[in-house]
Protein backbone atom coordinates (compact mmCIF):
# COMPACT_ATOMS: atom_id res chain seq x y z
CA MET A 1 1.67 -16.45 9.95
CA LYS A 2 4.90 -17.34 9.44
CA PHE A 3 6.85 -15.85 6.27
CA GLY A 4 7.65 -18.30 3.48
CA SER A 5 4.57 -20.62 4.64
CA ASN A 6 1.67 -20.68 2.34
CA LYS A 7 -0.59 -21.46 4.49
CA GLN A 8 -2.43 -18.79 6.19
CA GLN A 9 -3.76 -18.79 9.84
CA ASP A 10 -7.33 -18.08 11.09
CA ASP A 11 -7.19 -15.93 14.40
CA GLY A 12 -11.03 -15.94 15.35
CA GLY A 13 -12.23 -15.43 12.02
CA ASN A 14 -9.64 -12.57 10.71
CA VAL A 15 -7.16 -14.29 7.91
CA SER A 16 -3.70 -13.51 8.40
CA LYS A 17 -2.33 -11.26 5.33
CA VAL A 18 1.10 -10.24 4.39
CA THR A 19 1.89 -7.45 1.68
CA VAL A 20 4.52 -8.39 -0.76
CA LEU A 21 6.98 -6.39 -2.47
CA SER A 22 8.79 -9.06 -4.40
CA LEU A 23 11.86 -9.90 -6.06
CA GLY A 24 12.56 -7.88 -9.08
CA PHE A 25 9.90 -5.51 -8.05
CA GLU A 26 10.69 -1.84 -7.69
CA LEU A 27 8.20 0.58 -6.23
CA THR A 28 8.51 4.61 -5.48
CA GLY A 29 6.12 5.93 -2.64
CA ASP A 30 4.99 4.98 0.83
CA ILE A 31 3.60 1.82 1.80
CA ILE A 32 0.85 1.83 4.51
CA SER A 33 -0.68 -1.06 5.36
CA LYS A 34 -2.85 -2.83 7.80
CA SER A 35 -0.74 -6.21 7.65
CA ASP A 36 2.90 -7.60 7.76
CA ILE A 37 4.77 -6.64 5.04
CA ARG A 38 7.69 -8.88 3.42
CA ALA A 39 9.94 -6.77 0.69
CA ASP A 40 12.10 -8.24 -1.34
CA GLY A 41 12.23 -5.98 -4.40
CA ILE A 42 13.33 -2.30 -4.27
CA LEU A 43 11.56 0.24 -2.50
CA VAL A 44 12.03 4.20 -2.46
CA GLY A 45 9.51 5.34 0.14
CA SER A 46 8.33 4.83 3.19
CA ILE A 47 6.61 1.72 5.46
CA ARG A 48 3.94 2.03 8.17
CA THR A 49 2.60 -0.67 9.55
CA ASP A 50 0.89 -1.91 12.94
CA LYS A 51 2.20 -5.49 12.27
CA LYS A 52 5.67 -6.83 11.02
CA VAL A 53 7.97 -5.75 8.53
CA VAL A 54 10.69 -8.65 6.88
CA VAL A 55 12.88 -6.91 4.78
CA GLY A 56 14.57 -10.15 2.52
CA GLU A 57 18.71 -10.39 1.81
CA LYS A 58 18.01 -8.84 -1.81
CA ALA A 59 15.89 -6.08 -0.59
CA SER A 60 16.81 -2.41 -0.56
CA ILE A 61 14.42 0.74 1.12
CA THR A 62 15.23 3.90 1.29
CA GLY A 63 12.60 5.62 3.61
CA ASP A 64 11.78 5.50 7.11
CA ILE A 65 9.31 2.41 9.00
CA ILE A 66 7.19 2.66 11.42
CA ALA A 67 6.30 -1.15 12.42
CA ALA A 68 5.52 -3.09 15.60
CA GLU A 69 8.43 -5.82 14.64
CA ILE A 70 11.43 -5.41 11.76
CA SER A 71 13.87 -8.11 10.45
CA ILE A 72 16.31 -7.21 8.16
CA SER A 73 18.32 -9.12 6.24
CA GLY A 74 19.03 -6.63 2.94
CA GLU A 75 19.51 -2.93 3.17
CA VAL A 76 17.26 -0.04 4.66
CA VAL A 77 18.21 3.81 4.43
CA GLY A 78 16.15 5.75 7.12
CA ASP A 79 14.82 5.65 10.29
CA LEU A 80 13.37 3.00 11.88
CA PHE A 81 10.79 3.47 14.73
CA ILE A 82 9.83 0.08 16.05
CA GLY A 83 7.38 -0.59 18.66
CA GLY A 84 9.00 -4.07 19.62
CA GLU A 85 11.43 -6.16 18.58
CA THR A 86 14.48 -5.59 15.92
CA THR A 87 16.58 -7.87 14.38
CA ILE A 88 19.31 -7.09 12.22
CA TYR A 89 20.68 -10.35 10.39
CA ALA A 90 24.52 -10.93 9.09
CA SER A 91 23.79 -9.75 5.81
CA ALA A 92 21.74 -6.56 6.54
CA LYS A 93 23.20 -2.79 5.88
CA VAL A 94 21.41 -0.28 8.01
CA SER A 95 21.65 3.47 7.82
CA GLY A 96 19.84 5.64 9.99
CA ASN A 97 18.43 6.17 13.73
CA ILE A 98 16.60 3.43 15.04
CA THR A 99 14.06 3.74 18.09
CA THR A 100 13.20 0.40 19.01
CA GLN A 101 12.10 -1.55 22.24
CA GLN A 102 14.77 -4.48 21.91
CA ILE A 103 17.23 -4.77 19.55
CA PHE A 104 18.58 -8.13 18.36
CA ILE A 105 22.10 -7.58 15.92
CA HIS A 106 23.85 -10.83 14.74
CA LYS A 107 27.31 -10.50 13.83
CA GLY A 108 28.50 -9.17 10.04
CA ALA A 109 25.43 -6.79 10.40
CA GLU A 110 26.91 -3.59 8.76
CA LEU A 111 25.39 -0.53 10.69
CA ASN A 112 25.62 3.19 10.25
CA SER A 113 23.39 4.13 13.29
CA LEU A 114 22.19 5.53 16.60
CA ILE A 115 20.46 3.59 17.98
CA ARG A 116 18.13 3.74 21.25
CA THR A 117 16.06 1.31 22.99
CA VAL A 118 12.97 2.49 24.75
CA ASP A 119 9.77 1.72 25.92
CA GLY A 120 6.85 1.03 23.72
CA ASP A 121 5.29 4.76 24.46
CA ALA A 122 8.73 6.76 23.66
CA VAL A 123 8.74 4.77 20.47
CA LYS A 124 5.06 6.10 19.59
CA SER A 125 6.36 9.83 20.55
CA ALA A 126 9.46 8.98 18.65
CA ALA A 127 7.89 7.85 15.31
CA LYS A 128 5.48 11.04 15.44
CA SER A 129 8.58 13.15 13.73
CA SER A 130 8.48 10.86 11.04
CA LYS A 131 6.94 12.60 7.67
CA LEU A 132 4.31 9.37 7.54
CA ASN A 133 2.58 10.43 10.64
CA THR A 134 1.26 13.79 8.59
CA VAL A 135 -2.13 12.07 9.04
CA SER A 136 -3.20 9.70 12.00
CA ARG A 137 -3.46 5.72 10.99
CA GLU A 138 -7.21 5.69 11.76
CA GLU A 139 -7.74 8.83 9.22
CA LEU A 140 -6.07 7.14 6.49
CA TYR A 141 -7.44 3.97 6.86
CA SER A 142 -10.84 6.10 6.91
CA ILE A 143 -9.72 7.64 3.44
CA MET A 144 -8.90 4.74 1.98
CA ASP A 145 -12.21 2.42 3.01
CA GLU A 146 -14.11 5.65 1.68
CA LYS A 147 -12.20 5.27 -1.92
CA LYS A 148 -12.97 1.84 -2.09
CA SER A 149 -16.71 2.16 -1.44
CA LYS A 150 -16.39 4.69 -4.00
CA ILE A 151 -15.24 2.54 -6.51
CA THR A 152 -17.30 -0.30 -5.79
CA LYS A 153 -20.24 1.81 -6.29
CA GLU A 154 -18.94 3.23 -9.93
CA VAL A 155 -18.27 -0.53 -10.66
CA GLU A 156 -22.04 -1.61 -9.87
CA LYS A 157 -23.92 1.39 -12.03
CA PRO A 158 -25.63 -0.20 -14.88
CA VAL A 159 -23.80 0.53 -18.08
CA GLN A 160 -25.43 2.82 -20.75
CA THR A 161 -26.27 1.07 -23.97
CA LYS A 162 -27.07 2.44 -27.46
CA ARG A 163 -28.11 1.34 -30.65
CA VAL A 164 -25.73 1.82 -33.62
CA GLU A 165 -27.03 1.85 -37.53
CA SER A 166 -25.10 2.78 -40.65
CA ASN A 167 -25.58 1.59 -44.24
CA PHE A 168 -23.09 -1.16 -43.74
CA TYR A 169 -24.39 -3.04 -40.51
CA THR A 170 -26.87 -2.75 -37.53
CA GLU A 171 -25.60 -3.05 -33.83
CA ASP A 172 -27.45 -3.15 -30.62
CA SER A 173 -25.35 -3.79 -27.69
CA ASN A 174 -28.10 -4.66 -25.63
CA SER A 175 -28.88 -7.72 -27.75
CA LYS A 176 -26.93 -10.88 -28.02
CA GLU A 177 -27.27 -11.22 -31.50
CA GLU A 178 -24.36 -11.30 -34.01
CA PHE A 179 -23.81 -8.51 -36.40
CA LYS A 180 -25.85 -8.57 -39.25
CA PRO A 181 -24.75 -7.08 -42.64
CA ASN A 182 -27.00 -4.41 -43.84
CA PHE A 183 -25.72 -3.76 -47.12
CA PRO A 184 -28.18 -2.00 -49.27
CA ARG A 185 -29.30 -3.86 -52.20
CA THR A 186 -28.16 -2.82 -55.62
CA TRP A 187 -29.79 -5.98 -57.77
């Protein structure tokens, strides 16, 4: 799926998905995703994905990024571990070490970085130094799936109902009838 497109492509039954941090959105915390990530807002935290990261022109990210591919037009302060292609556009400002397989830097980009171009295995090895790798992706996804399953089970539990009576009204939460006043008759 190309960014900016509203169409989703079907790749053999798997619909391409993008996690989006919209313009005007501010987030503190790490983002770990199985899908592409597009950031146009502000993130104080790290990003980890097996897919592509796009940092929009107005975006600001303070944290490490581990991804298969990255395209930067905004500001990134942190170390980059990119298993494939890194593209840094003219409007970009990057501070931090960059370990990648390939890098393209457009004229006008501001970099305060140490850049290493290495093979994919060396990128994975270097990425192990990042705090994002304290738990493996598989373990993390397993934990996330467990929590999702637990939440689904909680939502599916039947709701307990009770009958409430007072001198003024009777409420039966299982019935669909309207409330019936139950005023004591004094006449």
